[in-house]
Amino acid sequence: MSDRQPLSFIQSPPELGNEYREDWLLSAWLECALPEALLHDQLEVFDELGRRSGGEWYRLQTEDRLNEPRLEQWSPWGERVDRIELTPLWVKAKSWAAEYGLVATGYDDSLGEHARTIQFARAWLFIPSTDFYGCPLAMTDGAARILSDAGNRELAERALPHLLSRNGEDFWTSGQWMTETIGGSDVSATETTAEQDDDGRWRLTGRKWFTSAATSEMALTLARPEANPEGSRGLALFYVEPHDADGRLQNIEILRLKDKLGTRKLPTAELWLNGAPATPVAGLDRGVAAIAPMLNLTRTWNAVTACTLMRRGIALATSYAQRRRAFGKRLIDQPLHRQTLSAMNADYAAAACATLAMVGELGRVEHGRAASGPDLLRILTPMVKLGTARDAVACASETLECFGGAGYVEDTGLPQLLRDAQVLSIWEGTTNVLALDLLRALAASGIEPWLETMRARTAALDDERTRELHAIASDALDQVPGWLDHPADALEANARTIAMNMYRITALVELAGLARRSLARDGGEQRQKPLIAALHYARNRFSLGPIDTHGTGWSLTGD
């Protein structure tokens, strides 16, 4: 018999609840953004998604932690097969995504300009418990937008019923094959070529270095038709169905799966196209412009994903703080730890409000209801994507620190949060690439569409309780004129600073606006949380401000 003494203490792990009911920010935004009757109609779905996200799906994700996709290149008898075996959770996630209309809802005309808000609210609850299955959904959404608008009736009739299906058996996802070793973000250097065969069918040849969701039923990709000039204008956008009717790859080889820092459940592959059959989507040039709508949507999904990962980390850290005791009391009762959680909550709330405001603007643009046309959305998209991505990485790092040593141990599942968050500032454009893209948007439309919108929303902060927020936001906006009045080299050198400043202002103004609208509803305890978060964010991100001696931010911990 062992004489080992029994353990005197076992730490209980963090737990999740209904992730819709417990996300005070998402609930508050939807209450203010959606007509009451429409929100009532959607509540059952939100509630079900929240329950599954914090329950069944989270348990499956935890149990599935060690599984990763696997590439089988050869059969036992020497045949080249190039099959990717997905993880069990990923196999199920496809049907769930179709069932809840995570792509189709965005194209539901009966929802009008609110379709995008409802779609992304559903995705908000789905993404963090499904191992980055939001990635193929983002590209599928972008493909649906392009094929809806491209005027190519044959392709639209072929693919859209699948991309917008709510049946898991019929639902297709789409890939986005752009990245090549020579170009990276500079797609103008694309080396993949397109030639017509004797039957007039276009064939693509080249290496795609980084293709996420490599098991998708279709893909949109860039290639240079024969005799086209160099540069981005010489590229064309092509539609590809990688597999034939028997499920075999059509002149495509999977060279390898990428060994990545994070998002390891997502099958990212390096492909060799060796005469892969393809169809032009919209002519034989200006392919970068043709694929731009997909990039704008995938960047929106990126920002939404950043917010959902921030929320997941905070939920786990808060649950742990309610269970973990140190120095004689629970972490949640330690003033400094409560203040740390409040700061995380405030950053999340600000990021979420900037993102959801962008989503609302997307819905208005798509339904012709945007006051400034597409100009404001064109400014918001790169700016909000880059800001939320960086905040998500910082929040994930803080989350691990909230757990001490347990946050650094793989079998808790916590390190995956940080590894996965890091992709958000890389995928669909790094911070610098997006900052330069923002400068191009500002050069095209000027800063006025954004500045006038922010000023109008700040002017609406006329409640006595939001007076401090009005003053801080107004002071920040007063500094904006003249930001762009510099030589091109100076603007480029400061593009990141301009972008982050604009993001912080946007986040503050949108969060403060939510605070005002929430207080106007009834001013109850829950309705005050956006105000508390906004004050915390303003004092922390815009000035040192007074020391919070009254603990106003502490109630954001949910305890």
Protein backbone atom coordinates (compact mmCIF):
# COMPACT_ATOMS: atom_id res chain seq x y z
CA MET A 1 0.00 0.00 0.00
CA SER A 2 1.15 3.51 -0.74
CA ASP A 3 1.88 5.77 2.21
CA ARG A 4 1.33 8.84 0.02
CA GLN A 5 -0.84 11.39 1.77
CA PRO A 6 -4.09 12.34 0.06
CA LEU A 7 -4.18 15.73 -1.57
CA SER A 8 -5.60 18.36 0.73
CA PHE A 9 -6.84 20.64 -2.07
CA ILE A 10 -8.09 20.31 -5.64
CA GLN A 11 -8.78 23.54 -7.51
CA SER A 12 -12.14 23.58 -9.29
CA PRO A 13 -11.81 24.68 -12.94
CA PRO A 14 -13.65 27.63 -14.49
CA GLU A 15 -17.08 26.99 -15.94
CA LEU A 16 -19.21 28.68 -18.56
CA GLY A 17 -22.93 29.34 -18.45
CA ASN A 18 -25.36 30.58 -21.08
CA GLU A 19 -23.01 32.76 -23.12
CA TYR A 20 -25.82 34.96 -24.43
CA ARG A 21 -27.42 35.68 -21.08
CA GLU A 22 -24.07 36.30 -19.41
CA ASP A 23 -22.68 38.63 -22.10
CA TRP A 24 -24.08 41.91 -20.81
CA LEU A 25 -22.53 43.90 -23.65
CA LEU A 26 -23.99 41.87 -26.52
CA SER A 27 -27.41 41.82 -24.86
CA ALA A 28 -27.34 45.58 -24.26
CA TRP A 29 -26.31 46.33 -27.85
CA LEU A 30 -29.01 44.14 -29.37
CA GLU A 31 -31.68 45.67 -27.13
CA CYS A 32 -30.75 49.10 -28.46
CA ALA A 33 -29.95 48.18 -32.08
CA LEU A 34 -32.89 45.96 -33.01
CA PRO A 35 -36.60 46.78 -33.11
CA GLU A 36 -38.28 45.24 -30.05
CA ALA A 37 -40.45 42.83 -32.05
CA LEU A 38 -37.50 41.64 -34.14
CA LEU A 39 -35.35 41.06 -31.06
CA HIS A 40 -38.19 39.12 -29.46
CA ASP A 41 -38.38 36.89 -32.55
CA GLN A 42 -34.63 36.18 -32.35
CA LEU A 43 -34.32 35.61 -28.60
CA GLU A 44 -34.99 31.89 -28.72
CA VAL A 45 -32.16 31.32 -31.19
CA PHE A 46 -29.76 33.59 -29.26
CA ASP A 47 -30.61 31.79 -26.04
CA GLU A 48 -30.12 28.36 -27.59
CA LEU A 49 -26.79 29.38 -29.13
CA GLY A 50 -25.67 30.82 -25.78
CA ARG A 51 -26.61 27.64 -23.94
CA ARG A 52 -24.86 25.35 -26.43
CA SER A 53 -21.80 27.61 -26.65
CA GLY A 54 -21.22 27.52 -22.90
CA GLY A 55 -22.34 23.92 -22.49
CA GLU A 56 -22.36 21.14 -25.07
CA TRP A 57 -20.02 22.77 -27.60
CA TYR A 58 -17.52 23.96 -25.01
CA ARG A 59 -17.36 20.45 -23.51
CA LEU A 60 -16.82 18.92 -26.95
CA GLN A 61 -14.12 21.50 -27.69
CA THR A 62 -12.35 20.67 -24.43
CA GLU A 63 -12.55 16.93 -25.06
CA ASP A 64 -11.30 17.47 -28.63
CA ARG A 65 -8.29 19.51 -27.53
CA LEU A 66 -5.56 17.14 -28.73
CA ASN A 67 -7.08 16.31 -32.13
CA GLU A 68 -5.75 18.05 -35.23
CA PRO A 69 -6.50 17.67 -38.95
CA ARG A 70 -4.38 15.06 -40.70
CA LEU A 71 -3.24 14.87 -44.31
CA GLU A 72 -3.20 11.46 -45.98
CA GLN A 73 -1.27 11.89 -49.22
CA TRP A 74 -1.01 8.25 -50.33
CA SER A 75 -3.23 5.19 -50.13
CA PRO A 76 -1.72 1.94 -48.74
CA TRP A 77 -1.28 0.80 -52.37
CA GLY A 78 0.56 3.83 -53.65
CA GLU A 79 -2.24 5.97 -55.08
CA ARG A 80 -1.97 9.73 -54.55
CA VAL A 81 -5.17 10.64 -52.70
CA ASP A 82 -4.49 13.90 -50.79
CA ARG A 83 -7.31 13.56 -48.27
CA ILE A 84 -7.59 15.76 -45.20
CA GLU A 85 -9.18 14.18 -42.14
CA LEU A 86 -10.87 16.86 -40.05
CA THR A 87 -11.29 16.86 -36.30
CA PRO A 88 -14.61 15.51 -34.95
CA LEU A 89 -15.74 18.95 -33.79
CA TRP A 90 -15.05 20.49 -37.20
CA VAL A 91 -17.11 17.80 -38.90
CA LYS A 92 -20.09 18.64 -36.69
CA ALA A 93 -19.58 22.41 -36.86
CA LYS A 94 -20.46 22.51 -40.55
CA SER A 95 -23.99 21.21 -39.91
CA TRP A 96 -24.44 23.54 -36.94
CA ALA A 97 -23.35 26.52 -39.02
CA ALA A 98 -25.92 25.67 -41.69
CA GLU A 99 -28.66 24.96 -39.14
CA TYR A 100 -28.29 28.38 -37.53
CA GLY A 101 -27.90 30.18 -40.85
CA LEU A 102 -24.56 31.72 -39.97
CA VAL A 103 -24.08 32.74 -43.60
CA ALA A 104 -27.66 32.63 -44.91
CA THR A 105 -29.04 35.02 -42.27
CA GLY A 106 -26.88 37.83 -43.63
CA TYR A 107 -28.76 37.54 -46.95
CA ASP A 108 -32.27 37.23 -45.50
CA ASP A 109 -34.12 40.14 -47.10
CA SER A 110 -37.00 39.80 -44.63
CA LEU A 111 -34.64 41.12 -41.93
CA GLY A 112 -33.80 44.24 -43.92
CA GLU A 113 -30.86 46.33 -42.72
CA HIS A 114 -30.75 44.29 -39.49
CA ALA A 115 -29.79 41.05 -41.25
CA ARG A 116 -26.08 41.56 -40.64
CA THR A 117 -26.54 42.43 -36.97
CA ILE A 118 -28.55 39.26 -36.37
CA GLN A 119 -26.12 37.15 -38.41
CA PHE A 120 -23.07 38.33 -36.53
CA ALA A 121 -24.80 38.10 -33.15
CA ARG A 122 -25.32 34.42 -33.89
CA ALA A 123 -21.72 34.06 -35.04
CA TRP A 124 -20.61 35.88 -31.84
CA LEU A 125 -21.95 32.97 -29.79
CA PHE A 126 -20.86 30.21 -32.19
CA ILE A 127 -17.24 31.11 -32.95
CA PRO A 128 -15.38 30.71 -29.62
CA SER A 129 -16.61 27.14 -28.99
CA THR A 130 -16.04 25.71 -32.48
CA ASP A 131 -12.27 25.86 -32.97
CA PHE A 132 -12.16 28.73 -35.48
CA TYR A 133 -14.83 27.33 -37.76
CA GLY A 134 -15.66 30.98 -38.30
CA CYS A 135 -12.75 31.11 -40.76
CA PRO A 136 -14.42 29.12 -43.58
CA LEU A 137 -17.70 30.87 -42.78
CA ALA A 138 -16.02 34.24 -43.29
CA MET A 139 -14.74 33.23 -46.71
CA THR A 140 -18.08 31.65 -47.58
CA ASP A 141 -19.84 34.89 -46.71
CA GLY A 142 -17.42 36.81 -48.91
CA ALA A 143 -17.89 34.40 -51.79
CA ALA A 144 -21.67 34.68 -51.50
CA ARG A 145 -21.41 38.47 -51.66
CA ILE A 146 -19.18 38.39 -54.74
CA LEU A 147 -21.27 35.84 -56.62
CA SER A 148 -24.46 37.71 -55.73
CA ASP A 149 -23.13 40.93 -57.23
CA ALA A 150 -20.79 39.81 -60.04
CA GLY A 151 -23.46 39.42 -62.70
CA ASN A 152 -22.29 35.89 -63.55
CA ARG A 153 -25.67 34.15 -63.61
CA GLU A 154 -24.29 30.67 -64.28
CA LEU A 155 -21.93 30.71 -61.29
CA ALA A 156 -24.53 32.32 -59.04
CA GLU A 157 -27.09 29.66 -59.87
CA ARG A 158 -24.51 26.94 -59.37
CA ALA A 159 -23.02 28.02 -56.04
CA LEU A 160 -25.34 30.37 -54.15
CA PRO A 161 -27.99 27.75 -53.24
CA HIS A 162 -25.20 25.80 -51.53
CA LEU A 163 -23.43 28.75 -49.90
CA LEU A 164 -26.72 30.01 -48.44
CA SER A 165 -28.16 26.61 -47.57
CA ARG A 166 -29.48 25.92 -44.06
CA ASN A 167 -29.11 22.17 -44.59
CA GLY A 168 -25.80 20.66 -43.55
CA GLU A 169 -25.86 18.10 -46.38
CA ASP A 170 -26.23 20.79 -49.05
CA PHE A 171 -24.16 23.53 -47.43
CA TRP A 172 -20.87 24.51 -49.06
CA THR A 173 -18.03 26.51 -47.67
CA SER A 174 -15.64 28.53 -49.83
CA GLY A 175 -11.89 28.95 -49.75
CA GLN A 176 -9.94 32.07 -50.62
CA TRP A 177 -6.68 31.28 -52.42
CA MET A 178 -4.61 34.44 -52.65
CA THR A 179 -1.37 34.14 -50.67
CA GLU A 180 1.78 33.17 -52.56
CA THR A 181 5.36 33.01 -51.39
CA ILE A 182 6.49 35.89 -53.60
CA GLY A 183 3.70 38.27 -52.65
CA GLY A 184 2.20 37.73 -49.24
CA SER A 185 -0.03 40.76 -48.78
CA ASP A 186 1.25 42.14 -52.10
CA VAL A 187 -1.06 40.10 -54.32
CA SER A 188 0.02 42.11 -57.39
CA ALA A 189 3.04 39.78 -57.51
CA THR A 190 0.83 36.68 -57.96
CA GLU A 191 2.60 34.07 -60.11
CA THR A 192 -0.31 31.69 -60.75
CA THR A 193 -1.14 31.69 -64.45
CA ALA A 194 -4.35 30.97 -66.34
CA GLU A 195 -4.40 29.43 -69.82
CA GLN A 196 -7.17 28.09 -71.99
CA ASP A 197 -6.98 24.48 -73.13
CA ASP A 198 -8.05 23.17 -76.53
CA ASP A 199 -11.67 23.03 -75.35
CA GLY A 200 -11.62 26.66 -74.21
CA ARG A 201 -11.59 25.71 -70.50
CA TRP A 202 -9.41 27.85 -68.28
CA ARG A 203 -6.64 26.03 -66.41
CA LEU A 204 -4.67 27.42 -63.46
CA THR A 205 -1.04 26.62 -62.70
CA GLY A 206 0.90 27.80 -59.67
CA ARG A 207 1.53 27.39 -55.96
CA LYS A 208 -0.81 28.79 -53.33
CA TRP A 209 1.29 29.00 -50.22
CA PHE A 210 -1.35 29.53 -47.53
CA THR A 211 -4.93 28.36 -48.11
CA SER A 212 -7.15 28.15 -45.04
CA ALA A 213 -10.09 25.76 -44.90
CA ALA A 214 -8.55 23.61 -47.63
CA THR A 215 -11.48 21.16 -47.55
CA SER A 216 -14.03 23.66 -48.90
CA GLU A 217 -16.23 22.69 -51.83
CA MET A 218 -15.30 25.79 -53.85
CA ALA A 219 -12.77 28.59 -53.82
CA LEU A 220 -12.16 32.00 -55.31
CA THR A 221 -8.61 32.65 -56.41
CA LEU A 222 -6.47 35.09 -58.34
CA ALA A 223 -4.47 34.17 -61.44
CA ARG A 224 -2.93 36.02 -64.39
CA PRO A 225 -4.43 35.11 -67.77
CA GLU A 226 -1.94 34.55 -70.56
CA ALA A 227 -0.72 37.74 -72.22
CA ASN A 228 -2.07 39.93 -69.39
CA PRO A 229 0.28 42.65 -68.06
CA GLU A 230 2.15 42.46 -64.76
CA GLY A 231 0.68 44.06 -61.65
CA SER A 232 -2.69 43.84 -59.99
CA ARG A 233 -4.67 45.05 -63.02
CA GLY A 234 -3.51 42.03 -64.98
CA LEU A 235 -4.97 39.57 -62.47
CA ALA A 236 -8.38 37.96 -62.84
CA LEU A 237 -10.70 36.39 -60.29
CA PHE A 238 -11.51 32.72 -60.88
CA TYR A 239 -14.01 30.26 -59.46
CA VAL A 240 -12.69 26.77 -58.68
CA GLU A 241 -14.35 23.56 -57.54
CA PRO A 242 -11.37 21.58 -56.24
CA HIS A 243 -13.06 18.14 -56.41
CA ASP A 244 -14.82 16.30 -59.19
CA ALA A 245 -18.13 14.45 -58.81
CA ASP A 246 -16.31 11.44 -57.31
CA GLY A 247 -14.57 13.58 -54.69
CA ARG A 248 -11.13 13.49 -56.32
CA LEU A 249 -8.99 16.61 -56.53
CA GLN A 250 -8.93 18.08 -60.03
CA ASN A 251 -5.31 18.70 -60.99
CA ILE A 252 -4.51 19.91 -57.49
CA GLU A 253 -1.96 18.50 -55.07
CA ILE A 254 -1.91 19.19 -51.34
CA LEU A 255 1.80 19.64 -50.69
CA ARG A 256 1.48 19.86 -46.90
CA LEU A 257 -0.62 21.12 -44.01
CA LYS A 258 0.90 24.16 -42.35
CA ASP A 259 2.42 23.69 -38.89
CA LYS A 260 1.07 26.85 -37.26
CA LEU A 261 1.43 28.58 -33.91
CA GLY A 262 -2.34 28.59 -33.38
CA THR A 263 -5.65 27.84 -35.12
CA ARG A 264 -4.32 24.32 -35.40
CA LYS A 265 -7.78 22.76 -35.86
CA LEU A 266 -8.16 24.82 -39.05
CA PRO A 267 -6.72 22.84 -42.01
CA THR A 268 -4.42 25.33 -43.69
CA ALA A 269 -2.64 23.87 -46.69
CA GLU A 270 -0.06 24.61 -49.32
CA LEU A 271 -1.46 23.71 -52.75
CA TRP A 272 0.03 23.08 -56.15
CA LEU A 273 -2.34 23.83 -59.02
CA ASN A 274 -1.32 21.88 -62.09
CA GLY A 275 -3.89 22.83 -64.70
CA ALA A 276 -6.81 23.01 -62.27
CA PRO A 277 -10.06 23.78 -64.12
CA ALA A 278 -11.49 27.21 -63.34
CA THR A 279 -14.07 29.76 -64.49
CA PRO A 280 -13.62 33.55 -64.66
CA VAL A 281 -15.98 35.30 -62.25
CA ALA A 282 -16.09 38.81 -63.71
CA GLY A 283 -13.91 39.31 -66.76
CA LEU A 284 -10.22 38.68 -67.29
CA ASP A 285 -8.65 41.60 -65.45
CA ARG A 286 -9.00 43.76 -62.30
CA GLY A 287 -9.23 40.67 -60.14
CA VAL A 288 -8.06 42.45 -56.99
CA ALA A 289 -10.95 44.90 -57.24
CA ALA A 290 -13.31 42.00 -57.91
CA ILE A 291 -12.26 40.16 -54.74
CA ALA A 292 -12.34 43.29 -52.53
CA PRO A 293 -15.91 42.62 -51.25
CA MET A 294 -14.69 39.29 -49.88
CA LEU A 295 -11.79 40.98 -48.08
CA ASN A 296 -14.11 43.54 -46.50
CA LEU A 297 -16.35 40.78 -45.15
CA THR A 298 -13.53 38.54 -43.94
CA ARG A 299 -12.07 41.53 -42.11
CA THR A 300 -15.47 42.04 -40.46
CA TRP A 301 -15.50 38.39 -39.38
CA ASN A 302 -11.96 38.88 -38.09
CA ALA A 303 -13.09 41.76 -35.85
CA VAL A 304 -16.08 39.76 -34.61
CA THR A 305 -13.81 36.81 -33.83
CA ALA A 306 -11.44 39.09 -31.91
CA CYS A 307 -14.32 40.27 -29.73
CA THR A 308 -15.61 36.75 -29.11
CA LEU A 309 -12.17 35.55 -27.99
CA MET A 310 -11.86 38.52 -25.64
CA ARG A 311 -15.26 37.68 -24.19
CA ARG A 312 -14.35 33.98 -23.81
CA GLY A 313 -11.15 34.80 -21.94
CA ILE A 314 -12.96 37.21 -19.61
CA ALA A 315 -15.72 34.67 -18.92
CA LEU A 316 -13.19 32.00 -17.96
CA ALA A 317 -11.07 34.40 -15.90
CA THR A 318 -14.14 35.68 -14.04
CA SER A 319 -15.39 32.17 -13.30
CA TYR A 320 -11.96 31.22 -11.99
CA ALA A 321 -11.76 34.34 -9.84
CA GLN A 322 -15.03 33.33 -8.20
CA ARG A 323 -13.56 29.91 -7.31
CA ARG A 324 -9.89 30.54 -6.58
CA ARG A 325 -8.85 31.61 -3.08
CA ALA A 326 -5.53 33.30 -2.31
CA PHE A 327 -4.33 35.24 0.71
CA GLY A 328 -7.45 34.36 2.65
CA LYS A 329 -10.18 35.30 0.18
CA ARG A 330 -11.46 34.73 -3.34
CA LEU A 331 -9.68 36.50 -6.18
CA ILE A 332 -12.95 38.20 -7.10
CA ASP A 333 -12.88 39.87 -3.66
CA GLN A 334 -9.34 41.20 -4.11
CA PRO A 335 -9.65 44.90 -5.16
CA LEU A 336 -6.68 44.82 -7.55
CA HIS A 337 -7.84 41.66 -9.29
CA ARG A 338 -11.36 43.05 -9.66
CA GLN A 339 -9.89 46.15 -11.20
CA THR A 340 -7.88 44.01 -13.64
CA LEU A 341 -11.04 42.20 -14.72
CA SER A 342 -12.86 45.51 -15.05
CA ALA A 343 -10.14 46.86 -17.35
CA MET A 344 -10.45 43.74 -19.51
CA ASN A 345 -14.23 44.14 -19.57
CA ALA A 346 -13.93 47.79 -20.60
CA ASP A 347 -11.56 46.98 -23.47
CA TYR A 348 -13.92 44.21 -24.59
CA ALA A 349 -16.95 46.47 -24.40
CA ALA A 350 -15.23 49.18 -26.45
CA ALA A 351 -13.97 46.71 -29.08
CA ALA A 352 -17.40 45.10 -29.28
CA CYS A 353 -19.22 48.41 -29.72
CA ALA A 354 -16.85 49.53 -32.49
CA THR A 355 -17.32 46.18 -34.22
CA LEU A 356 -21.09 46.03 -33.86
CA ALA A 357 -21.37 49.62 -35.09
CA MET A 358 -19.38 48.58 -38.17
CA VAL A 359 -21.68 45.57 -38.64
CA GLY A 360 -24.72 47.86 -38.45
CA GLU A 361 -23.18 50.17 -41.03
CA LEU A 362 -22.57 47.15 -43.29
CA GLY A 363 -26.27 46.30 -43.09
CA ARG A 364 -27.25 49.86 -43.97
CA VAL A 365 -24.85 49.99 -46.92
CA GLU A 366 -26.13 46.71 -48.32
CA HIS A 367 -29.72 47.95 -48.10
CA GLY A 368 -29.07 51.47 -49.37
CA ARG A 369 -29.73 53.09 -45.97
CA ALA A 370 -26.25 54.46 -45.20
CA ALA A 371 -26.17 58.27 -44.93
CA SER A 372 -22.64 58.52 -46.31
CA GLY A 373 -22.91 55.71 -48.84
CA PRO A 374 -20.03 53.21 -48.60
CA ASP A 375 -17.42 55.80 -47.53
CA LEU A 376 -17.80 55.41 -43.75
CA LEU A 377 -17.78 51.61 -43.97
CA ARG A 378 -14.67 51.72 -46.16
CA ILE A 379 -12.93 53.70 -43.40
CA LEU A 380 -14.24 51.63 -40.50
CA THR A 381 -13.39 48.18 -41.85
CA PRO A 382 -9.54 48.22 -41.85
CA MET A 383 -9.42 50.45 -38.77
CA VAL A 384 -11.71 48.31 -36.59
CA LYS A 385 -10.12 45.09 -37.80
CA LEU A 386 -6.61 46.18 -36.85
CA GLY A 387 -7.65 47.66 -33.48
CA THR A 388 -9.73 44.72 -32.30
CA ALA A 389 -7.04 42.26 -33.37
CA ARG A 390 -4.40 43.94 -31.23
CA ASP A 391 -6.78 44.27 -28.28
CA ALA A 392 -7.63 40.57 -28.53
CA VAL A 393 -3.97 39.55 -28.28
CA ALA A 394 -3.47 41.77 -25.23
CA CYS A 395 -6.64 40.46 -23.60
CA ALA A 396 -5.65 36.83 -24.21
CA SER A 397 -2.28 37.46 -22.60
CA GLU A 398 -3.98 39.09 -19.60
CA THR A 399 -6.38 36.15 -19.38
CA LEU A 400 -3.53 33.68 -19.00
CA GLU A 401 -1.98 35.85 -16.33
CA CYS A 402 -5.27 35.81 -14.39
CA PHE A 403 -4.77 32.07 -13.95
CA GLY A 404 -1.16 32.24 -12.79
CA GLY A 405 0.75 29.05 -13.58
CA ALA A 406 -2.40 27.23 -14.68
CA GLY A 407 -2.68 29.67 -17.58
CA TYR A 408 0.65 28.41 -18.90
CA VAL A 409 -0.27 24.72 -18.77
CA GLU A 410 -1.48 23.17 -22.01
CA ASP A 411 -4.01 20.70 -20.65
CA THR A 412 -6.10 23.52 -19.18
CA GLY A 413 -6.78 24.62 -22.76
CA LEU A 414 -5.95 28.21 -21.85
CA PRO A 415 -2.72 28.69 -23.86
CA GLN A 416 -4.71 28.01 -27.03
CA LEU A 417 -6.55 31.31 -26.48
CA LEU A 418 -3.32 33.27 -26.86
CA ARG A 419 -2.01 31.21 -29.77
CA ASP A 420 -5.29 31.53 -31.64
CA ALA A 421 -5.66 35.27 -30.97
CA GLN A 422 -2.27 35.99 -32.55
CA VAL A 423 -3.55 35.12 -36.02
CA LEU A 424 -6.07 37.97 -35.87
CA SER A 425 -3.43 40.66 -36.39
CA ILE A 426 -1.93 38.72 -39.32
CA TRP A 427 -4.83 37.15 -41.26
CA GLU A 428 -6.39 39.45 -43.88
CA GLY A 429 -3.70 42.08 -43.42
CA THR A 430 -1.19 42.91 -40.72
CA THR A 431 -1.52 46.07 -38.66
CA ASN A 432 0.80 47.98 -41.01
CA VAL A 433 -0.92 46.75 -44.18
CA LEU A 434 -4.33 47.75 -42.81
CA ALA A 435 -3.05 51.11 -41.60
CA LEU A 436 -1.87 51.88 -45.14
CA ASP A 437 -5.19 50.64 -46.51
CA LEU A 438 -6.93 53.08 -44.17
CA LEU A 439 -4.79 55.90 -45.56
CA ARG A 440 -5.93 54.95 -49.07
CA ALA A 441 -9.54 55.07 -47.94
CA LEU A 442 -9.01 58.47 -46.34
CA ALA A 443 -7.29 59.75 -49.48
CA ALA A 444 -10.31 58.70 -51.54
CA SER A 445 -13.10 60.11 -49.37
CA GLY A 446 -11.36 62.37 -46.88
CA ILE A 447 -11.70 61.95 -43.14
CA GLU A 448 -15.01 63.84 -43.05
CA PRO A 449 -17.41 60.85 -43.30
CA TRP A 450 -15.89 59.40 -40.14
CA LEU A 451 -15.25 62.69 -38.33
CA GLU A 452 -18.74 64.06 -38.92
CA THR A 453 -20.30 60.79 -37.77
CA MET A 454 -18.22 60.73 -34.58
CA ARG A 455 -19.02 64.38 -33.85
CA ALA A 456 -22.75 63.83 -34.33
CA ARG A 457 -22.76 60.82 -32.03
CA THR A 458 -20.67 62.65 -29.44
CA ALA A 459 -23.07 65.60 -29.52
CA ALA A 460 -25.87 63.18 -28.57
CA LEU A 461 -24.15 62.46 -25.24
CA ASP A 462 -26.37 65.04 -23.61
CA ASP A 463 -27.26 63.06 -20.50
CA GLU A 464 -25.79 64.47 -17.30
CA ARG A 465 -24.35 61.03 -16.55
CA THR A 466 -22.41 60.97 -19.82
CA ARG A 467 -21.05 64.52 -19.52
CA GLU A 468 -17.51 63.33 -18.76
CA LEU A 469 -17.57 61.03 -21.78
CA HIS A 470 -18.78 63.91 -23.94
CA ALA A 471 -15.86 66.05 -22.79
CA ILE A 472 -13.21 63.38 -23.35
CA ALA A 473 -14.54 62.36 -26.77
CA SER A 474 -14.94 65.98 -27.87
CA ASP A 475 -11.39 66.79 -26.84
CA ALA A 476 -10.06 63.79 -28.78
CA LEU A 477 -12.06 64.75 -31.89
CA ASP A 478 -10.82 68.34 -31.70
CA GLN A 479 -7.30 67.02 -32.25
CA VAL A 480 -8.19 65.21 -35.48
CA PRO A 481 -8.28 68.08 -38.04
CA GLY A 482 -4.84 68.44 -39.54
CA TRP A 483 -3.83 64.82 -39.01
CA LEU A 484 -3.67 64.27 -42.76
CA ASP A 485 -2.07 67.61 -43.63
CA HIS A 486 1.44 66.20 -43.99
CA PRO A 487 3.66 64.89 -46.80
CA ALA A 488 3.00 61.34 -47.98
CA ASP A 489 6.13 59.92 -46.34
CA ALA A 490 5.21 61.40 -42.97
CA LEU A 491 1.66 60.10 -43.24
CA GLU A 492 2.88 56.62 -44.09
CA ALA A 493 5.35 56.62 -41.21
CA ASN A 494 2.52 57.57 -38.83
CA ALA A 495 -0.21 55.46 -40.40
CA ARG A 496 -0.34 53.00 -37.51
CA THR A 497 -0.69 55.80 -34.95
CA ILE A 498 -3.46 57.45 -36.97
CA ALA A 499 -5.30 54.16 -37.33
CA MET A 500 -5.07 53.26 -33.64
CA ASN A 501 -6.13 56.76 -32.58
CA MET A 502 -9.16 56.60 -34.87
CA TYR A 503 -10.02 53.14 -33.54
CA ARG A 504 -9.81 54.27 -29.91
CA ILE A 505 -12.02 57.28 -30.59
CA THR A 506 -14.53 55.16 -32.49
CA ALA A 507 -14.64 52.59 -29.71
CA LEU A 508 -15.15 55.25 -27.04
CA VAL A 509 -17.86 57.12 -28.96
CA GLU A 510 -19.81 53.93 -29.77
CA LEU A 511 -19.54 52.60 -26.20
CA ALA A 512 -20.57 55.97 -24.79
CA GLY A 513 -23.52 56.01 -27.19
CA LEU A 514 -24.58 52.59 -25.96
CA ALA A 515 -24.32 53.87 -22.39
CA ARG A 516 -26.63 56.79 -23.18
CA ARG A 517 -29.19 54.58 -24.94
CA SER A 518 -29.13 51.97 -22.18
CA LEU A 519 -29.64 54.57 -19.46
CA ALA A 520 -32.56 56.02 -21.39
CA ARG A 521 -34.35 52.66 -21.27
CA ASP A 522 -34.67 52.38 -17.48
CA GLY A 523 -31.31 52.99 -15.81
CA GLY A 524 -31.37 49.73 -13.82
CA GLU A 525 -28.21 48.01 -12.57
CA GLN A 526 -27.62 46.07 -15.79
CA ARG A 527 -28.30 49.18 -17.88
CA GLN A 528 -25.52 51.02 -16.03
CA LYS A 529 -22.77 48.59 -17.05
CA PRO A 530 -22.09 50.26 -20.44
CA LEU A 531 -21.65 53.60 -18.63
CA ILE A 532 -19.25 52.08 -16.10
CA ALA A 533 -17.28 50.43 -18.91
CA ALA A 534 -17.19 53.64 -20.95
CA LEU A 535 -15.89 55.68 -18.03
CA HIS A 536 -13.25 53.06 -17.30
CA TYR A 537 -12.19 52.95 -20.94
CA ALA A 538 -12.10 56.74 -21.29
CA ARG A 539 -10.02 57.25 -18.15
CA ASN A 540 -7.65 54.40 -18.95
CA ARG A 541 -7.17 54.91 -22.69
CA PHE A 542 -7.46 58.69 -23.07
CA SER A 543 -6.05 60.14 -19.85
CA LEU A 544 -4.76 59.09 -16.45
CA GLY A 545 -7.89 60.48 -14.83
CA PRO A 546 -8.71 60.27 -11.16
CA ILE A 547 -7.99 57.12 -9.13
CA ASP A 548 -11.19 55.09 -8.93
CA THR A 549 -11.70 55.25 -5.17
CA HIS A 550 -15.35 54.24 -5.42
CA GLY A 551 -14.77 50.99 -7.28
CA THR A 552 -17.17 51.99 -10.07
CA GLY A 553 -15.60 49.52 -12.47
CA TRP A 554 -15.83 46.56 -10.16
CA SER A 555 -19.40 45.58 -10.97
CA LEU A 556 -18.25 44.73 -14.49
CA THR A 557 -16.87 41.47 -13.10
CA GLY A 558 -20.37 40.06 -12.94
CA ASP A 559 -20.14 39.25 -9.24
